[in-house]
Amino acid sequence: MKQILYLVRHAEPNYDNHDDINRELTPKGLQDCQRLIDYFRTISIDQIYSSPYKRALQTIQPLATARQLPINTRENLRERKVDSIWIDDFEAFLVNQWQDFTFKLSDGESLQEVQKRQLEEVKTILEDNKQHTIISSHGTAIATILAAFDKQFGLDDFQRIKTLFPFVAVLQFDHRQIQSIHIDNIFTGECHARYLI
């Protein structure tokens, strides 16, 4: 059975709000959510899953409303926990995490831990046997999924997408085996594709 997962990274968040769970979208972010309706206009969607974090839910809500589909929230789709406090040198932290998937701060998660729970959720979603599924999530969370299926995906790839709010990563499966990955920039129409079969 052929299946497609559309991993949607949330739109632009308000970084002035340091509450990771309740961080909302900026006015621009709210406006950019409409681009997802255009992107998916000709694509059939069977189900929608989302991180429970506010910015992910806000991003996918307009599309869910337009398609009259419920949003199924899953805790495992949440973003990586960096630490219990806000860190100022995020770039250095980012490099450390991508160089060592087990690296984490005292009250945070490693990329390895994030990847494990993301993949558990992806496996469960694929077992739904739906052909077209949207997952609204977060940049790092999505990147760990991409890195699991594409062993060449690393820090440089993440750096190219980390400022895109939102983007869509399209994963095509056949009998639950990954066939291809492409990342769509919904602002420019640019597509980065990797065929893995």
Protein backbone atom coordinates (compact mmCIF):
# COMPACT_ATOMS: atom_id res chain seq x y z
CA MET A 1 0.00 0.00 0.00
CA LYS A 2 1.29 3.43 -0.94
CA GLN A 3 1.08 6.09 1.76
CA ILE A 4 2.17 9.71 1.98
CA LEU A 5 2.96 11.64 5.15
CA TYR A 6 2.98 15.43 4.90
CA LEU A 7 5.08 16.78 7.77
CA VAL A 8 4.09 20.43 8.21
CA ARG A 9 6.36 22.67 10.21
CA HIS A 10 4.40 25.35 12.09
CA ALA A 11 4.22 28.93 10.84
CA GLU A 12 6.21 31.83 12.35
CA PRO A 13 6.05 31.78 16.18
CA ASN A 14 6.22 34.65 18.63
CA TYR A 15 9.65 34.17 20.20
CA ASP A 16 8.91 36.89 22.74
CA ASN A 17 6.76 34.27 24.46
CA HIS A 18 9.20 31.87 26.17
CA ASP A 19 6.43 29.42 27.14
CA ASP A 20 7.20 26.62 24.69
CA ILE A 21 3.84 24.88 25.03
CA ASN A 22 1.68 28.00 24.68
CA ARG A 23 3.83 30.02 22.25
CA GLU A 24 1.45 31.45 19.66
CA LEU A 25 1.96 32.44 16.05
CA THR A 26 2.79 35.99 15.02
CA PRO A 27 0.29 37.91 12.85
CA LYS A 28 2.47 36.98 9.86
CA GLY A 29 2.41 33.36 10.97
CA LEU A 30 -1.37 33.37 11.17
CA GLN A 31 -1.56 34.86 7.69
CA ASP A 32 0.91 32.31 6.27
CA CYS A 33 -1.31 29.44 7.45
CA GLN A 34 -3.56 30.28 4.51
CA ARG A 35 -0.74 29.24 2.18
CA LEU A 36 -1.20 25.68 3.41
CA ILE A 37 -4.78 25.71 2.17
CA ASP A 38 -3.45 26.65 -1.27
CA TYR A 39 -0.65 24.08 -1.11
CA PHE A 40 -3.05 21.22 -0.31
CA ARG A 41 -5.85 22.42 -2.61
CA THR A 42 -5.47 19.51 -5.06
CA ILE A 43 -4.29 16.93 -2.51
CA SER A 44 -6.67 14.48 -0.88
CA ILE A 45 -6.24 14.33 2.90
CA ASP A 46 -7.53 11.44 5.00
CA GLN A 47 -6.48 12.51 8.48
CA ILE A 48 -4.62 15.20 10.41
CA TYR A 49 -2.37 14.74 13.43
CA SER A 50 -0.66 17.47 15.42
CA SER A 51 1.68 18.27 18.23
CA PRO A 52 -0.37 19.58 21.18
CA TYR A 53 1.66 22.81 21.22
CA LYS A 54 -0.31 25.93 20.40
CA ARG A 55 1.73 27.05 17.37
CA ALA A 56 1.36 23.67 15.65
CA LEU A 57 -2.39 23.60 16.30
CA GLN A 58 -2.86 27.19 15.12
CA THR A 59 -0.94 26.40 11.93
CA ILE A 60 -3.09 23.47 10.86
CA GLN A 61 -6.49 24.66 12.17
CA PRO A 62 -7.48 26.69 9.06
CA LEU A 63 -6.79 23.72 6.78
CA ALA A 64 -8.59 21.30 9.13
CA THR A 65 -11.58 23.64 9.19
CA ALA A 66 -11.58 24.00 5.40
CA ARG A 67 -11.47 20.20 4.97
CA GLN A 68 -13.87 19.53 7.86
CA LEU A 69 -11.38 17.14 9.43
CA PRO A 70 -10.66 16.70 13.15
CA ILE A 71 -7.17 17.33 14.50
CA ASN A 72 -5.81 14.37 16.44
CA THR A 73 -3.24 15.62 18.95
CA ARG A 74 -0.39 13.35 20.00
CA GLU A 75 2.02 14.20 22.81
CA ASN A 76 4.86 12.35 21.07
CA LEU A 77 4.75 14.88 18.21
CA ARG A 78 5.78 17.75 20.50
CA GLU A 79 8.99 19.69 19.96
CA ARG A 80 12.26 18.78 21.65
CA LYS A 81 12.60 20.12 25.17
CA VAL A 82 15.74 22.26 25.23
CA ASP A 83 15.87 22.89 28.99
CA SER A 84 13.69 24.23 31.78
CA ILE A 85 15.24 27.69 31.27
CA TRP A 86 15.64 29.85 28.15
CA ILE A 87 19.14 29.62 26.64
CA ASP A 88 20.83 32.55 24.92
CA ASP A 89 23.42 30.77 22.75
CA PHE A 90 21.02 28.54 20.86
CA GLU A 91 23.32 28.18 17.84
CA ALA A 92 26.09 26.51 19.86
CA PHE A 93 23.54 24.22 21.48
CA LEU A 94 22.17 23.31 18.05
CA VAL A 95 25.60 22.38 16.70
CA ASN A 96 26.33 20.25 19.77
CA GLN A 97 23.07 18.35 19.37
CA TRP A 98 23.57 17.62 15.67
CA GLN A 99 27.17 16.53 16.23
CA ASP A 100 26.14 14.21 19.05
CA PHE A 101 22.55 12.90 19.01
CA THR A 102 22.86 11.99 22.71
CA PHE A 103 23.85 15.53 23.81
CA LYS A 104 21.35 17.31 26.05
CA LEU A 105 21.16 19.92 28.77
CA SER A 106 20.35 19.00 32.37
CA ASP A 107 16.57 19.23 32.00
CA GLY A 108 16.26 18.74 28.25
CA GLU A 109 16.01 16.04 25.59
CA SER A 110 18.61 14.70 23.20
CA LEU A 111 17.85 14.44 19.49
CA GLN A 112 18.04 10.67 19.92
CA GLU A 113 15.22 10.79 22.48
CA VAL A 114 13.14 13.09 20.29
CA GLN A 115 13.69 10.89 17.26
CA LYS A 116 12.65 7.76 19.15
CA ARG A 117 9.27 9.14 20.18
CA GLN A 118 8.66 10.74 16.78
CA LEU A 119 9.31 7.44 15.00
CA GLU A 120 7.04 5.57 17.41
CA GLU A 121 4.24 7.95 16.46
CA VAL A 122 4.98 7.74 12.73
CA LYS A 123 4.84 3.93 12.93
CA THR A 124 1.47 4.09 14.69
CA ILE A 125 0.12 6.57 12.14
CA LEU A 126 1.24 4.42 9.20
CA GLU A 127 -0.56 1.48 10.81
CA ASP A 128 -3.82 3.46 10.39
CA ASN A 129 -3.54 2.42 6.72
CA LYS A 130 -4.64 5.84 5.49
CA GLN A 131 -3.12 7.01 2.22
CA HIS A 132 -2.66 10.73 2.90
CA THR A 133 -1.87 12.03 6.39
CA ILE A 134 -0.80 15.47 7.60
CA ILE A 135 1.32 15.80 10.73
CA SER A 136 1.63 19.35 12.07
CA SER A 137 4.79 19.58 14.11
CA HIS A 138 8.06 21.42 14.69
CA GLY A 139 11.33 22.01 12.87
CA THR A 140 13.62 19.92 15.05
CA ALA A 141 11.05 17.18 15.58
CA ILE A 142 10.51 16.87 11.82
CA ALA A 143 14.26 17.00 11.16
CA THR A 144 14.83 13.99 13.42
CA ILE A 145 12.30 12.03 11.35
CA LEU A 146 14.03 13.07 8.13
CA ALA A 147 17.41 12.07 9.58
CA ALA A 148 16.04 8.64 10.50
CA PHE A 149 14.92 7.89 6.95
CA ASP A 150 17.71 9.72 5.12
CA LYS A 151 21.10 8.98 6.64
CA GLN A 152 22.65 11.89 4.69
CA PHE A 153 20.41 14.45 6.42
CA GLY A 154 22.44 16.43 8.95
CA LEU A 155 23.17 19.84 10.43
CA ASP A 156 23.71 21.56 7.07
CA ASP A 157 20.32 20.34 5.84
CA PHE A 158 18.68 21.49 9.05
CA GLN A 159 20.32 24.92 8.76
CA ARG A 160 18.73 25.29 5.30
CA ILE A 161 15.21 24.74 6.60
CA LYS A 162 15.35 26.14 10.13
CA THR A 163 14.16 29.61 9.08
CA LEU A 164 11.28 28.33 6.93
CA PHE A 165 7.92 28.86 8.64
CA PRO A 166 6.06 26.81 7.50
CA PHE A 167 7.49 24.17 5.18
CA VAL A 168 6.17 20.76 4.11
CA ALA A 169 8.28 17.59 4.07
CA VAL A 170 6.64 14.89 1.94
CA LEU A 171 7.51 11.28 2.77
CA GLN A 172 6.31 8.60 0.36
CA PHE A 173 6.04 5.00 1.56
CA ASP A 174 5.24 1.72 -0.15
CA HIS A 175 4.29 -1.10 2.22
CA ARG A 176 5.67 1.10 5.02
CA GLN A 177 9.09 1.30 3.39
CA ILE A 178 10.35 4.81 2.63
CA GLN A 179 10.60 5.53 -1.10
CA SER A 180 11.33 9.24 -1.33
CA ILE A 181 11.51 12.47 0.61
CA HIS A 182 11.08 15.98 -0.66
CA ILE A 183 10.90 19.27 1.17
CA ASP A 184 8.69 21.97 -0.30
CA ASN A 185 9.20 25.69 0.27
CA ILE A 186 5.61 26.90 0.07
CA PHE A 187 6.74 30.49 -0.48
CA THR A 188 8.97 29.95 -3.53
CA GLY A 189 7.77 26.59 -4.83
CA GLU A 190 11.35 25.29 -4.54
CA CYS A 191 11.64 21.57 -3.84
CA HIS A 192 14.57 19.55 -2.47
CA ALA A 193 14.08 15.86 -3.31
CA ARG A 194 15.87 12.67 -2.34
CA TYR A 195 14.88 9.33 -3.78
CA LEU A 196 15.89 6.63 -1.37
CA ILE A 197 14.91 3.42 -3.18
